[in-house]
Each structure stands twice: as structure tokens, then as C-alpha cells.
Amino acid sequence: MPNQSQFEELSEAEKLRLLRKKLREQFKREQREFFESFCKNPELFPDEPPAKHHQFMIGALQGVANGEIKRLMVLMPPVHGKSVYCSIRFPAWYLGNNPRNHLVHATNTAFPFVRPRPLE
């Protein structure tokens, strides 16, 4: 990033390009550090903002990642996002940030995630 005097000499298009790059880098840092930022990424999950009960679950999963929660059981009714957040998004985010760590995931069915069929 150029210093203040160099920045002022740039064209508006170059300034905009640099600012966008800086914002992207900041957004990526936040996504690596905070599971909630990762879940709110519109490029990864378009039209899927976390609902309030998802945000509560995301907070608990962040506690697991931070080492504040050693064991977590998520008990919710069917079709409330448990599999999406606990079986897909969290392991991808956590193991992407901590490739040498391990996760234990248990489920009461043979197949932990079955995508619902569209209504006809």
C-alpha cells in the first residue's frame, strides 16, 4: 500500500482498486478468524444469511474453535441447519484454519446429511 502522498497522486480508478483490494484482504482475515464472518460470505453462501438460531449455534461453534467449549452437543429439530453448520461449514472452516487438528463428529443416522428434495 502506498504512503499518503503516493496515494493522493493515484488516479481515482487506482485508488478504488487499492481500496477494494484492502477490503478484500480484511474480509478474508475476518473469515479466517471468525466463523460467523465465514458463514456470512455472500460468495460462498449466496442468499443464505444465518437466522437467529443459526447465529446462536455459530457462537457455540466459535467457542469450540477458541477452546472455550471442549464438548458440544447440538440438539435441534430436523431441518434447522444442524448438518449444514455442524457437518459442512464448521469442519471446512475449522480444519482449513487448523489443518493439524482433528474433529470428532457423531450422528444418530448412517448418513449425517441428506439434502431435502425440492417440492414439486
PDB file of N, CA and C in Angstrom:
ATOM      1  N   MET A   1       0.860  -1.180   0.000  1.00  0.00           N
ATOM      2  CA  MET A   1       0.000   0.000   0.000  1.00  0.00           C
ATOM      3  C   MET A   1       0.898   1.232   0.000  1.00  0.00           C
ATOM      4  N   PRO A   2       0.633   2.143  -0.899  1.00  0.00           N
ATOM      5  CA  PRO A   2       1.456   3.359  -0.959  1.00  0.00           C
ATOM      6  C   PRO A   2       1.225   4.251   0.263  1.00  0.00           C
ATOM      7  N   ASN A   3       2.224   5.121   0.537  1.00  0.00           N
ATOM      8  CA  ASN A   3       2.046   6.058   1.649  1.00  0.00           C
ATOM      9  C   ASN A   3       1.053   7.153   1.239  1.00  0.00           C
ATOM     10  N   GLN A   4       0.781   8.057   2.152  1.00  0.00           N
ATOM     11  CA  GLN A   4      -0.266   9.078   1.938  1.00  0.00           C
ATOM     12  C   GLN A   4      -0.014   9.937   0.701  1.00  0.00           C
ATOM     13  N   SER A   5       1.204  10.413   0.507  1.00  0.00           N
ATOM     14  CA  SER A   5       1.483  11.289  -0.638  1.00  0.00           C
ATOM     15  C   SER A   5       1.402  10.508  -1.950  1.00  0.00           C
ATOM     16  N   GLN A   6       1.883   9.276  -1.960  1.00  0.00           N
ATOM     17  CA  GLN A   6       1.783   8.457  -3.163  1.00  0.00           C
ATOM     18  C   GLN A   6       0.322   8.135  -3.482  1.00  0.00           C
ATOM     19  N   PHE A   7      -0.461   7.884  -2.440  1.00  0.00           N
ATOM     20  CA  PHE A   7      -1.872   7.556  -2.629  1.00  0.00           C
ATOM     21  C   PHE A   7      -2.621   8.725  -3.259  1.00  0.00           C
ATOM     22  N   GLU A   8      -2.326   9.935  -2.822  1.00  0.00           N
ATOM     23  CA  GLU A   8      -3.000  11.126  -3.350  1.00  0.00           C
ATOM     24  C   GLU A   8      -2.675  11.361  -4.819  1.00  0.00           C
ATOM     25  N   GLU A   9      -1.520  10.885  -5.295  1.00  0.00           N
ATOM     26  CA  GLU A   9      -1.123  11.066  -6.683  1.00  0.00           C
ATOM     27  C   GLU A   9      -1.787  10.064  -7.631  1.00  0.00           C
ATOM     28  N   LEU A  10      -2.381   9.025  -7.089  1.00  0.00           N
ATOM     29  CA  LEU A  10      -3.007   7.993  -7.924  1.00  0.00           C
ATOM     30  C   LEU A  10      -4.311   8.493  -8.533  1.00  0.00           C
ATOM     31  N   SER A  11      -4.693   7.881  -9.642  1.00  0.00           N
ATOM     32  CA  SER A  11      -5.983   8.214 -10.260  1.00  0.00           C
ATOM     33  C   SER A  11      -7.101   7.640  -9.390  1.00  0.00           C
ATOM     34  N   GLU A  12      -8.306   8.105  -9.607  1.00  0.00           N
ATOM     35  CA  GLU A  12      -9.456   7.629  -8.836  1.00  0.00           C
ATOM     36  C   GLU A  12      -9.666   6.128  -9.029  1.00  0.00           C
ATOM     37  N   ALA A  13      -9.474   5.650 -10.255  1.00  0.00           N
ATOM     38  CA  ALA A  13      -9.643   4.213 -10.532  1.00  0.00           C
ATOM     39  C   ALA A  13      -8.610   3.387  -9.770  1.00  0.00           C
ATOM     40  N   GLU A  14      -7.357   3.866  -9.710  1.00  0.00           N
ATOM     41  CA  GLU A  14      -6.308   3.155  -8.975  1.00  0.00           C
ATOM     42  C   GLU A  14      -6.583   3.169  -7.475  1.00  0.00           C
ATOM     43  N   LYS A  15      -7.058   4.314  -6.969  1.00  0.00           N
ATOM     44  CA  LYS A  15      -7.419   4.404  -5.548  1.00  0.00           C
ATOM     45  C   LYS A  15      -8.520   3.408  -5.217  1.00  0.00           C
ATOM     46  N   LEU A  16      -9.527   3.360  -6.069  1.00  0.00           N
ATOM     47  CA  LEU A  16     -10.645   2.450  -5.857  1.00  0.00           C
ATOM     48  C   LEU A  16     -10.176   0.998  -5.889  1.00  0.00           C
ATOM     49  N   ARG A  17      -9.302   0.671  -6.830  1.00  0.00           N
ATOM     50  CA  ARG A  17      -8.768  -0.688  -6.931  1.00  0.00           C
ATOM     51  C   ARG A  17      -7.994  -1.065  -5.664  1.00  0.00           C
ATOM     52  N   LEU A  18      -7.154  -0.157  -5.176  1.00  0.00           N
ATOM     53  CA  LEU A  18      -6.382  -0.421  -3.953  1.00  0.00           C
ATOM     54  C   LEU A  18      -7.291  -0.573  -2.732  1.00  0.00           C
ATOM     55  N   LEU A  19      -8.307   0.275  -2.646  1.00  0.00           N
ATOM     56  CA  LEU A  19      -9.223   0.184  -1.508  1.00  0.00           C
ATOM     57  C   LEU A  19     -10.012  -1.126  -1.535  1.00  0.00           C
ATOM     58  N   ARG A  20     -10.448  -1.521  -2.727  1.00  0.00           N
ATOM     59  CA  ARG A  20     -11.165  -2.803  -2.839  1.00  0.00           C
ATOM     60  C   ARG A  20     -10.270  -3.966  -2.435  1.00  0.00           C
ATOM     61  N   LYS A  21      -9.000  -3.912  -2.868  1.00  0.00           N
ATOM     62  CA  LYS A  21      -8.043  -4.962  -2.511  1.00  0.00           C
ATOM     63  C   LYS A  21      -7.853  -5.014  -1.002  1.00  0.00           C
ATOM     64  N   LYS A  22      -7.718  -3.861  -0.389  1.00  0.00           N
ATOM     65  CA  LYS A  22      -7.542  -3.791   1.065  1.00  0.00           C
ATOM     66  C   LYS A  22      -8.766  -4.349   1.798  1.00  0.00           C
ATOM     67  N   LEU A  23      -9.966  -3.995   1.320  1.00  0.00           N
ATOM     68  CA  LEU A  23     -11.191  -4.506   1.936  1.00  0.00           C
ATOM     69  C   LEU A  23     -11.317  -6.015   1.774  1.00  0.00           C
ATOM     70  N   ARG A  24     -10.948  -6.546   0.596  1.00  0.00           N
ATOM     71  CA  ARG A  24     -10.978  -7.999   0.379  1.00  0.00           C
ATOM     72  C   ARG A  24     -10.030  -8.704   1.337  1.00  0.00           C
ATOM     73  N   GLU A  25      -8.833  -8.153   1.507  1.00  0.00           N
ATOM     74  CA  GLU A  25      -7.855  -8.747   2.424  1.00  0.00           C
ATOM     75  C   GLU A  25      -8.381  -8.731   3.858  1.00  0.00           C
ATOM     76  N   GLN A  26      -8.997  -7.623   4.260  1.00  0.00           N
ATOM     77  CA  GLN A  26      -9.559  -7.526   5.604  1.00  0.00           C
ATOM     78  C   GLN A  26     -10.703  -8.526   5.786  1.00  0.00           C
ATOM     79  N   PHE A  27     -11.562  -8.645   4.775  1.00  0.00           N
ATOM     80  CA  PHE A  27     -12.677  -9.584   4.825  1.00  0.00           C
ATOM     81  C   PHE A  27     -12.170 -11.021   4.937  1.00  0.00           C
ATOM     82  N   LYS A  28     -11.107 -11.353   4.200  1.00  0.00           N
ATOM     83  CA  LYS A  28     -10.536 -12.703   4.268  1.00  0.00           C
ATOM     84  C   LYS A  28      -9.946 -12.980   5.641  1.00  0.00           C
ATOM     85  N   ARG A  29      -9.286 -11.981   6.234  1.00  0.00           N
ATOM     86  CA  ARG A  29      -8.741 -12.146   7.587  1.00  0.00           C
ATOM     87  C   ARG A  29      -9.861 -12.408   8.583  1.00  0.00           C
ATOM     88  N   GLU A  30     -10.949 -11.637   8.473  1.00  0.00           N
ATOM     89  CA  GLU A  30     -12.088 -11.827   9.375  1.00  0.00           C
ATOM     90  C   GLU A  30     -12.696 -13.210   9.194  1.00  0.00           C
ATOM     91  N   GLN A  31     -12.780 -13.683   7.957  1.00  0.00           N
ATOM     92  CA  GLN A  31     -13.345 -15.006   7.706  1.00  0.00           C
ATOM     93  C   GLN A  31     -12.478 -16.105   8.292  1.00  0.00           C
ATOM     94  N   ARG A  32     -11.172 -15.919   8.272  1.00  0.00           N
ATOM     95  CA  ARG A  32     -10.287 -16.917   8.875  1.00  0.00           C
ATOM     96  C   ARG A  32     -10.419 -16.914  10.392  1.00  0.00           C
ATOM     97  N   GLU A  33     -10.606 -15.744  10.971  1.00  0.00           N
ATOM     98  CA  GLU A  33     -10.637 -15.622  12.428  1.00  0.00           C
ATOM     99  C   GLU A  33     -12.015 -15.920  13.019  1.00  0.00           C
ATOM    100  N   PHE A  34     -13.079 -15.530  12.332  1.00  0.00           N
ATOM    101  CA  PHE A  34     -14.428 -15.649  12.886  1.00  0.00           C
ATOM    102  C   PHE A  34     -15.309 -16.518  12.006  1.00  0.00           C
ATOM    103  N   PHE A  35     -15.847 -17.579  12.596  1.00  0.00           N
ATOM    104  CA  PHE A  35     -16.734 -18.492  11.872  1.00  0.00           C
ATOM    105  C   PHE A  35     -17.966 -17.758  11.349  1.00  0.00           C
ATOM    106  N   GLU A  36     -18.478 -16.805  12.097  1.00  0.00           N
ATOM    107  CA  GLU A  36     -19.662 -16.059  11.665  1.00  0.00           C
ATOM    108  C   GLU A  36     -19.393 -15.301  10.359  1.00  0.00           C
ATOM    109  N   SER A  37     -18.219 -14.682  10.242  1.00  0.00           N
ATOM    110  CA  SER A  37     -17.869 -13.975   9.005  1.00  0.00           C
ATOM    111  C   SER A  37     -17.793 -14.944   7.835  1.00  0.00           C
ATOM    112  N   PHE A  38     -17.251 -16.129   8.085  1.00  0.00           N
ATOM    113  CA  PHE A  38     -17.187 -17.162   7.052  1.00  0.00           C
ATOM    114  C   PHE A  38     -18.592 -17.550   6.594  1.00  0.00           C
ATOM    115  N   CYS A  39     -19.516 -17.725   7.541  1.00  0.00           N
ATOM    116  CA  CYS A  39     -20.887 -18.135   7.219  1.00  0.00           C
ATOM    117  C   CYS A  39     -21.675 -17.040   6.502  1.00  0.00           C
ATOM    118  N   LYS A  40     -21.273 -15.796   6.676  1.00  0.00           N
ATOM    119  CA  LYS A  40     -21.978 -14.683   6.047  1.00  0.00           C
ATOM    120  C   LYS A  40     -21.373 -14.288   4.696  1.00  0.00           C
ATOM    121  N   ASN A  41     -20.396 -15.039   4.208  1.00  0.00           N
ATOM    122  CA  ASN A  41     -19.746 -14.715   2.945  1.00  0.00           C
ATOM    123  C   ASN A  41     -20.730 -14.925   1.796  1.00  0.00           C
ATOM    124  N   PRO A  42     -21.129 -13.852   1.100  1.00  0.00           N
ATOM    125  CA  PRO A  42     -22.103 -13.993   0.021  1.00  0.00           C
ATOM    126  C   PRO A  42     -21.552 -14.732  -1.199  1.00  0.00           C
ATOM    127  N   GLU A  43     -20.238 -14.788  -1.348  1.00  0.00           N
ATOM    128  CA  GLU A  43     -19.659 -15.530  -2.471  1.00  0.00           C
ATOM    129  C   GLU A  43     -19.744 -17.031  -2.235  1.00  0.00           C
ATOM    130  N   LEU A  44     -19.584 -17.452  -0.982  1.00  0.00           N
ATOM    131  CA  LEU A  44     -19.659 -18.874  -0.658  1.00  0.00           C
ATOM    132  C   LEU A  44     -21.097 -19.343  -0.460  1.00  0.00           C
ATOM    133  N   PHE A  45     -21.897 -18.515   0.192  1.00  0.00           N
ATOM    134  CA  PHE A  45     -23.253 -18.905   0.562  1.00  0.00           C
ATOM    135  C   PHE A  45     -24.245 -17.823   0.144  1.00  0.00           C
ATOM    136  N   PRO A  46     -24.511 -17.697  -1.157  1.00  0.00           N
ATOM    137  CA  PRO A  46     -25.440 -16.648  -1.602  1.00  0.00           C
ATOM    138  C   PRO A  46     -26.864 -16.932  -1.125  1.00  0.00           C
ATOM    139  N   ASP A  47     -27.548 -15.882  -0.754  1.00  0.00           N
ATOM    140  CA  ASP A  47     -28.953 -15.968  -0.326  1.00  0.00           C
ATOM    141  C   ASP A  47     -29.159 -16.900   0.857  1.00  0.00           C
ATOM    142  N   GLU A  48     -28.140 -17.081   1.697  1.00  0.00           N
ATOM    143  CA  GLU A  48     -28.271 -17.933   2.874  1.00  0.00           C
ATOM    144  C   GLU A  48     -27.738 -17.235   4.129  1.00  0.00           C
ATOM    145  N   PRO A  49     -28.259 -16.080   4.494  1.00  0.00           N
ATOM    146  CA  PRO A  49     -27.763 -15.449   5.726  1.00  0.00           C
ATOM    147  C   PRO A  49     -28.209 -16.263   6.934  1.00  0.00           C
ATOM    148  N   PRO A  50     -27.362 -16.371   7.949  1.00  0.00           N
ATOM    149  CA  PRO A  50     -27.729 -17.144   9.131  1.00  0.00           C
ATOM    150  C   PRO A  50     -28.924 -16.526   9.873  1.00  0.00           C
ATOM    151  N   ALA A  51     -29.874 -17.366  10.241  1.00  0.00           N
ATOM    152  CA  ALA A  51     -31.007 -16.928  11.055  1.00  0.00           C
ATOM    153  C   ALA A  51     -30.537 -16.797  12.507  1.00  0.00           C
ATOM    154  N   LYS A  52     -31.429 -16.313  13.383  1.00  0.00           N
ATOM    155  CA  LYS A  52     -31.031 -16.094  14.785  1.00  0.00           C
ATOM    156  C   LYS A  52     -30.590 -17.392  15.464  1.00  0.00           C
ATOM    157  N   HIS A  53     -31.313 -18.491  15.217  1.00  0.00           N
ATOM    158  CA  HIS A  53     -30.909 -19.745  15.857  1.00  0.00           C
ATOM    159  C   HIS A  53     -29.593 -20.259  15.260  1.00  0.00           C
ATOM    160  N   HIS A  54     -29.316 -19.935  14.006  1.00  0.00           N
ATOM    161  CA  HIS A  54     -28.027 -20.289  13.420  1.00  0.00           C
ATOM    162  C   HIS A  54     -26.916 -19.472  14.069  1.00  0.00           C
ATOM    163  N   GLN A  55     -27.172 -18.195  14.314  1.00  0.00           N
ATOM    164  CA  GLN A  55     -26.159 -17.345  14.937  1.00  0.00           C
ATOM    165  C   GLN A  55     -25.807 -17.840  16.337  1.00  0.00           C
ATOM    166  N   PHE A  56     -26.790 -18.343  17.060  1.00  0.00           N
ATOM    167  CA  PHE A  56     -26.528 -18.920  18.380  1.00  0.00           C
ATOM    168  C   PHE A  56     -25.621 -20.145  18.245  1.00  0.00           C
ATOM    169  N   MET A  57     -25.936 -20.998  17.272  1.00  0.00           N
ATOM    170  CA  MET A  57     -25.135 -22.191  17.021  1.00  0.00           C
ATOM    171  C   MET A  57     -23.729 -21.802  16.556  1.00  0.00           C
ATOM    172  N   ILE A  58     -23.623 -20.796  15.704  1.00  0.00           N
ATOM    173  CA  ILE A  58     -22.330 -20.310  15.226  1.00  0.00           C
ATOM    174  C   ILE A  58     -21.477 -19.827  16.402  1.00  0.00           C
ATOM    175  N   GLY A  59     -22.104 -19.121  17.346  1.00  0.00           N
ATOM    176  CA  GLY A  59     -21.381 -18.666  18.533  1.00  0.00           C
ATOM    177  C   GLY A  59     -20.837 -19.816  19.349  1.00  0.00           C
ATOM    178  N   ALA A  60     -21.642 -20.870  19.491  1.00  0.00           N
ATOM    179  CA  ALA A  60     -21.186 -22.049  20.239  1.00  0.00           C
ATOM    180  C   ALA A  60     -20.040 -22.738  19.499  1.00  0.00           C
ATOM    181  N   LEU A  61     -20.148 -22.844  18.184  1.00  0.00           N
ATOM    182  CA  LEU A  61     -19.073 -23.464  17.406  1.00  0.00           C
ATOM    183  C   LEU A  61     -17.798 -22.619  17.441  1.00  0.00           C
ATOM    184  N   GLN A  62     -17.944 -21.296  17.476  1.00  0.00           N
ATOM    185  CA  GLN A  62     -16.776 -20.426  17.625  1.00  0.00           C
ATOM    186  C   GLN A  62     -16.118 -20.685  18.972  1.00  0.00           C
ATOM    187  N   GLY A  63     -16.924 -20.921  20.003  1.00  0.00           N
ATOM    188  CA  GLY A  63     -16.386 -21.273  21.320  1.00  0.00           C
ATOM    189  C   GLY A  63     -15.580 -22.562  21.278  1.00  0.00           C
ATOM    190  N   VAL A  64     -16.030 -23.522  20.484  1.00  0.00           N
ATOM    191  CA  VAL A  64     -15.267 -24.771  20.303  1.00  0.00           C
ATOM    192  C   VAL A  64     -13.926 -24.443  19.646  1.00  0.00           C
ATOM    193  N   ALA A  65     -13.964 -23.653  18.593  1.00  0.00           N
ATOM    194  CA  ALA A  65     -12.733 -23.295  17.881  1.00  0.00           C
ATOM    195  C   ALA A  65     -11.759 -22.540  18.774  1.00  0.00           C
ATOM    196  N   ASN A  66     -12.278 -21.698  19.655  1.00  0.00           N
ATOM    197  CA  ASN A  66     -11.429 -20.905  20.551  1.00  0.00           C
ATOM    198  C   ASN A  66     -10.931 -21.703  21.752  1.00  0.00           C
ATOM    199  N   GLY A  67     -11.450 -22.915  21.933  1.00  0.00           N
ATOM    200  CA  GLY A  67     -11.052 -23.731  23.078  1.00  0.00           C
ATOM    201  C   GLY A  67     -11.833 -23.419  24.339  1.00  0.00           C
ATOM    202  N   GLU A  68     -12.851 -22.570  24.244  1.00  0.00           N
ATOM    203  CA  GLU A  68     -13.671 -22.229  25.404  1.00  0.00           C
ATOM    204  C   GLU A  68     -14.683 -23.327  25.712  1.00  0.00           C
ATOM    205  N   ILE A  69     -15.082 -24.084  24.703  1.00  0.00           N
ATOM    206  CA  ILE A  69     -16.029 -25.195  24.849  1.00  0.00           C
ATOM    207  C   ILE A  69     -15.296 -26.454  24.407  1.00  0.00           C
ATOM    208  N   LYS A  70     -15.193 -27.417  25.305  1.00  0.00           N
ATOM    209  CA  LYS A  70     -14.453 -28.644  24.999  1.00  0.00           C
ATOM    210  C   LYS A  70     -15.320 -29.674  24.275  1.00  0.00           C
ATOM    211  N   ARG A  71     -16.592 -29.749  24.646  1.00  0.00           N
ATOM    212  CA  ARG A  71     -17.511 -30.704  24.023  1.00  0.00           C
ATOM    213  C   ARG A  71     -18.825 -29.986  23.769  1.00  0.00           C
ATOM    214  N   LEU A  72     -19.402 -30.239  22.612  1.00  0.00           N
ATOM    215  CA  LEU A  72     -20.641 -29.560  22.249  1.00  0.00           C
ATOM    216  C   LEU A  72     -21.613 -30.558  21.646  1.00  0.00           C
ATOM    217  N   MET A  73     -22.824 -30.562  22.165  1.00  0.00           N
ATOM    218  CA  MET A  73     -23.912 -31.340  21.566  1.00  0.00           C
ATOM    219  C   MET A  73     -24.922 -30.335  21.032  1.00  0.00           C
ATOM    220  N   VAL A  74     -25.306 -30.488  19.781  1.00  0.00           N
ATOM    221  CA  VAL A  74     -26.298 -29.602  19.174  1.00  0.00           C
ATOM    222  C   VAL A  74     -27.571 -30.414  18.990  1.00  0.00           C
ATOM    223  N   LEU A  75     -28.587 -30.056  19.748  1.00  0.00           N
ATOM    224  CA  LEU A  75     -29.867 -30.769  19.725  1.00  0.00           C
ATOM    225  C   LEU A  75     -30.937 -29.800  19.248  1.00  0.00           C
ATOM    226  N   MET A  76     -31.379 -29.989  18.034  1.00  0.00           N
ATOM    227  CA  MET A  76     -32.404 -29.127  17.438  1.00  0.00           C
ATOM    228  C   MET A  76     -33.334 -29.995  16.606  1.00  0.00           C
ATOM    229  N   PRO A  77     -34.536 -29.506  16.333  1.00  0.00           N
ATOM    230  CA  PRO A  77     -35.449 -30.275  15.473  1.00  0.00           C
ATOM    231  C   PRO A  77     -34.867 -30.454  14.068  1.00  0.00           C
ATOM    232  N   PRO A  78     -35.408 -31.413  13.328  1.00  0.00           N
ATOM    233  CA  PRO A  78     -34.947 -31.600  11.947  1.00  0.00           C
ATOM    234  C   PRO A  78     -35.132 -30.331  11.105  1.00  0.00           C
ATOM    235  N   VAL A  79     -34.314 -30.205  10.096  1.00  0.00           N
ATOM    236  CA  VAL A  79     -34.357 -29.122   9.106  1.00  0.00           C
ATOM    237  C   VAL A  79     -34.170 -27.743   9.756  1.00  0.00           C
ATOM    238  N   HIS A  80     -33.283 -27.656  10.739  1.00  0.00           N
ATOM    239  CA  HIS A  80     -32.967 -26.370  11.359  1.00  0.00           C
ATOM    240  C   HIS A  80     -31.520 -25.956  11.126  1.00  0.00           C
ATOM    241  N   GLY A  81     -30.806 -26.662  10.249  1.00  0.00           N
ATOM    242  CA  GLY A  81     -29.459 -26.253   9.877  1.00  0.00           C
ATOM    243  C   GLY A  81     -28.328 -26.905  10.640  1.00  0.00           C
ATOM    244  N   LYS A  82     -28.632 -27.912  11.454  1.00  0.00           N
ATOM    245  CA  LYS A  82     -27.560 -28.568  12.209  1.00  0.00           C
ATOM    246  C   LYS A  82     -26.501 -29.148  11.277  1.00  0.00           C
ATOM    247  N   SER A  83     -26.944 -29.897  10.297  1.00  0.00           N
ATOM    248  CA  SER A  83     -25.997 -30.554   9.391  1.00  0.00           C
ATOM    249  C   SER A  83     -25.216 -29.538   8.570  1.00  0.00           C
ATOM    250  N   VAL A  84     -25.891 -28.521   8.092  1.00  0.00           N
ATOM    251  CA  VAL A  84     -25.212 -27.515   7.265  1.00  0.00           C
ATOM    252  C   VAL A  84     -24.106 -26.826   8.051  1.00  0.00           C
ATOM    253  N   TYR A  85     -24.408 -26.405   9.276  1.00  0.00           N
ATOM    254  CA  TYR A  85     -23.414 -25.662  10.054  1.00  0.00           C
ATOM    255  C   TYR A  85     -22.425 -26.578  10.772  1.00  0.00           C
ATOM    256  N   CYS A  86     -22.896 -27.668  11.359  1.00  0.00           N
ATOM    257  CA  CYS A  86     -22.017 -28.523  12.168  1.00  0.00           C
ATOM    258  C   CYS A  86     -21.256 -29.568  11.355  1.00  0.00           C
ATOM    259  N   SER A  87     -21.831 -30.030  10.250  1.00  0.00           N
ATOM    260  CA  SER A  87     -21.207 -31.108   9.483  1.00  0.00           C
ATOM    261  C   SER A  87     -20.504 -30.635   8.218  1.00  0.00           C
ATOM    262  N   ILE A  88     -20.853 -29.460   7.738  1.00  0.00           N
ATOM    263  CA  ILE A  88     -20.275 -28.996   6.476  1.00  0.00           C
ATOM    264  C   ILE A  88     -19.448 -27.726   6.683  1.00  0.00           C
ATOM    265  N   ARG A  89     -20.096 -26.657   7.111  1.00  0.00           N
ATOM    266  CA  ARG A  89     -19.398 -25.366   7.187  1.00  0.00           C
ATOM    267  C   ARG A  89     -18.343 -25.316   8.283  1.00  0.00           C
ATOM    268  N   PHE A  90     -18.683 -25.750   9.490  1.00  0.00           N
ATOM    269  CA  PHE A  90     -17.717 -25.656  10.582  1.00  0.00           C
ATOM    270  C   PHE A  90     -16.475 -26.511  10.332  1.00  0.00           C
ATOM    271  N   PRO A  91     -16.619 -27.796   9.961  1.00  0.00           N
ATOM    272  CA  PRO A  91     -15.394 -28.564   9.689  1.00  0.00           C
ATOM    273  C   PRO A  91     -14.543 -27.952   8.568  1.00  0.00           C
ATOM    274  N   ALA A  92     -15.187 -27.443   7.516  1.00  0.00           N
ATOM    275  CA  ALA A  92     -14.429 -26.819   6.427  1.00  0.00           C
ATOM    276  C   ALA A  92     -13.652 -25.613   6.932  1.00  0.00           C
ATOM    277  N   TRP A  93     -14.315 -24.761   7.718  1.00  0.00           N
ATOM    278  CA  TRP A  93     -13.669 -23.555   8.238  1.00  0.00           C
ATOM    279  C   TRP A  93     -12.585 -23.908   9.262  1.00  0.00           C
ATOM    280  N   TYR A  94     -12.934 -24.760  10.224  1.00  0.00           N
ATOM    281  CA  TYR A  94     -12.017 -25.092  11.316  1.00  0.00           C
ATOM    282  C   TYR A  94     -10.774 -25.816  10.808  1.00  0.00           C
ATOM    283  N   LEU A  95     -10.965 -26.851   9.995  1.00  0.00           N
ATOM    284  CA  LEU A  95      -9.816 -27.615   9.513  1.00  0.00           C
ATOM    285  C   LEU A  95      -9.022 -26.827   8.470  1.00  0.00           C
ATOM    286  N   GLY A  96      -9.672 -25.899   7.781  1.00  0.00           N
ATOM    287  CA  GLY A  96      -8.936 -25.012   6.879  1.00  0.00           C
ATOM    288  C   GLY A  96      -7.988 -24.103   7.641  1.00  0.00           C
ATOM    289  N   ASN A  97      -8.400 -23.695   8.841  1.00  0.00           N
ATOM    290  CA  ASN A  97      -7.557 -22.839   9.685  1.00  0.00           C
ATOM    291  C   ASN A  97      -6.605 -23.635  10.567  1.00  0.00           C
ATOM    292  N   ASN A  98      -6.952 -24.884  10.862  1.00  0.00           N
ATOM    293  CA  ASN A  98      -6.171 -25.726  11.782  1.00  0.00           C
ATOM    294  C   ASN A  98      -5.971 -27.108  11.159  1.00  0.00           C
ATOM    295  N   PRO A  99      -5.183 -27.210  10.096  1.00  0.00           N
ATOM    296  CA  PRO A  99      -5.087 -28.479   9.371  1.00  0.00           C
ATOM    297  C   PRO A  99      -4.482 -29.632  10.165  1.00  0.00           C
ATOM    298  N   ARG A 100      -3.799 -29.347  11.249  1.00  0.00           N
ATOM    299  CA  ARG A 100      -3.198 -30.426  12.056  1.00  0.00           C
ATOM    300  C   ARG A 100      -4.122 -30.909  13.170  1.00  0.00           C
ATOM    301  N   ASN A 101      -5.231 -30.231  13.378  1.00  0.00           N
ATOM    302  CA  ASN A 101      -6.180 -30.634  14.415  1.00  0.00           C
ATOM    303  C   ASN A 101      -7.157 -31.663  13.873  1.00  0.00           C
ATOM    304  N   HIS A 102      -7.951 -32.234  14.779  1.00  0.00           N
ATOM    305  CA  HIS A 102      -8.934 -33.250  14.417  1.00  0.00           C
ATOM    306  C   HIS A 102     -10.287 -32.870  14.999  1.00  0.00           C
ATOM    307  N   LEU A 103     -11.338 -33.349  14.367  1.00  0.00           N
ATOM    308  CA  LEU A 103     -12.697 -33.184  14.878  1.00  0.00           C
ATOM    309  C   LEU A 103     -13.331 -34.559  14.997  1.00  0.00           C
ATOM    310  N   VAL A 104     -14.163 -34.739  16.006  1.00  0.00           N
ATOM    311  CA  VAL A 104     -14.961 -35.954  16.131  1.00  0.00           C
ATOM    312  C   VAL A 104     -16.397 -35.538  15.910  1.00  0.00           C
ATOM    313  N   HIS A 105     -17.047 -36.194  14.974  1.00  0.00           N
ATOM    314  CA  HIS A 105     -18.434 -35.869  14.645  1.00  0.00           C
ATOM    315  C   HIS A 105     -19.249 -37.149  14.742  1.00  0.00           C
ATOM    316  N   ALA A 106     -20.309 -37.119  15.508  1.00  0.00           N
ATOM    317  CA  ALA A 106     -21.172 -38.298  15.655  1.00  0.00           C
ATOM    318  C   ALA A 106     -22.597 -37.931  15.280  1.00  0.00           C
ATOM    319  N   THR A 107     -23.316 -38.904  14.760  1.00  0.00           N
ATOM    320  CA  THR A 107     -24.700 -38.699  14.371  1.00  0.00           C
ATOM    321  C   THR A 107     -25.488 -39.960  14.688  1.00  0.00           C
ATOM    322  N   ASN A 108     -26.800 -39.822  14.760  1.00  0.00           N
ATOM    323  CA  ASN A 108     -27.610 -40.998  15.088  1.00  0.00           C
ATOM    324  C   ASN A 108     -28.082 -41.736  13.840  1.00  0.00           C
ATOM    325  N   THR A 109     -27.652 -41.313  12.670  1.00  0.00           N
ATOM    326  CA  THR A 109     -28.012 -41.992  11.436  1.00  0.00           C
ATOM    327  C   THR A 109     -26.750 -42.367  10.682  1.00  0.00           C
ATOM    328  N   ALA A 110     -26.887 -43.258   9.718  1.00  0.00           N
ATOM    329  CA  ALA A 110     -25.725 -43.686   8.935  1.00  0.00           C
ATOM    330  C   ALA A 110     -25.232 -42.579   8.025  1.00  0.00           C
ATOM    331  N   PHE A 111     -26.138 -41.747   7.543  1.00  0.00           N
ATOM    332  CA  PHE A 111     -25.773 -40.665   6.648  1.00  0.00           C
ATOM    333  C   PHE A 111     -26.051 -39.344   7.352  1.00  0.00           C
ATOM    334  N   PRO A 112     -24.997 -38.592   7.717  1.00  0.00           N
ATOM    335  CA  PRO A 112     -25.220 -37.383   8.508  1.00  0.00           C
ATOM    336  C   PRO A 112     -25.933 -36.257   7.777  1.00  0.00           C
ATOM    337  N   PHE A 113     -25.922 -36.268   6.443  1.00  0.00           N
ATOM    338  CA  PHE A 113     -26.565 -35.157   5.757  1.00  0.00           C
ATOM    339  C   PHE A 113     -27.262 -35.657   4.504  1.00  0.00           C
ATOM    340  N   VAL A 114     -28.535 -35.401   4.441  1.00  0.00           N
ATOM    341  CA  VAL A 114     -29.315 -35.732   3.258  1.00  0.00           C
ATOM    342  C   VAL A 114     -29.979 -34.445   2.810  1.00  0.00           C
ATOM    343  N   ARG A 115     -29.656 -34.007   1.603  1.00  0.00           N
ATOM    344  CA  ARG A 115     -30.218 -32.763   1.076  1.00  0.00           C
ATOM    345  C   ARG A 115     -31.699 -32.993   0.766  1.00  0.00           C
ATOM    346  N   PRO A 116     -32.571 -32.127   1.279  1.00  0.00           N
ATOM    347  CA  PRO A 116     -34.006 -32.324   1.004  1.00  0.00           C
ATOM    348  C   PRO A 116     -34.319 -32.154  -0.476  1.00  0.00           C
ATOM    349  N   ARG A 117     -35.282 -32.919  -0.932  1.00  0.00           N
ATOM    350  CA  ARG A 117     -35.711 -32.804  -2.334  1.00  0.00           C
ATOM    351  C   ARG A 117     -36.543 -31.559  -2.510  1.00  0.00           C
ATOM    352  N   PRO A 118     -36.476 -30.941  -3.687  1.00  0.00           N
ATOM    353  CA  PRO A 118     -37.349 -29.761  -3.930  1.00  0.00           C
ATOM    354  C   PRO A 118     -38.806 -30.196  -4.004  1.00  0.00           C
ATOM    355  N   LEU A 119     -39.680 -29.337  -3.547  1.00  0.00           N
ATOM    356  CA  LEU A 119     -41.111 -29.620  -3.611  1.00  0.00           C
ATOM    357  C   LEU A 119     -41.566 -29.547  -5.042  1.00  0.00           C
ATOM    358  N   GLU A 120     -42.437 -30.455  -5.409  1.00  0.00           N
ATOM    359  CA  GLU A 120     -42.948 -30.486  -6.791  1.00  0.00           C
ATOM    360  C   GLU A 120     -44.328 -29.917  -6.873  1.00  0.00           C
TER     361      GLU A 120
END
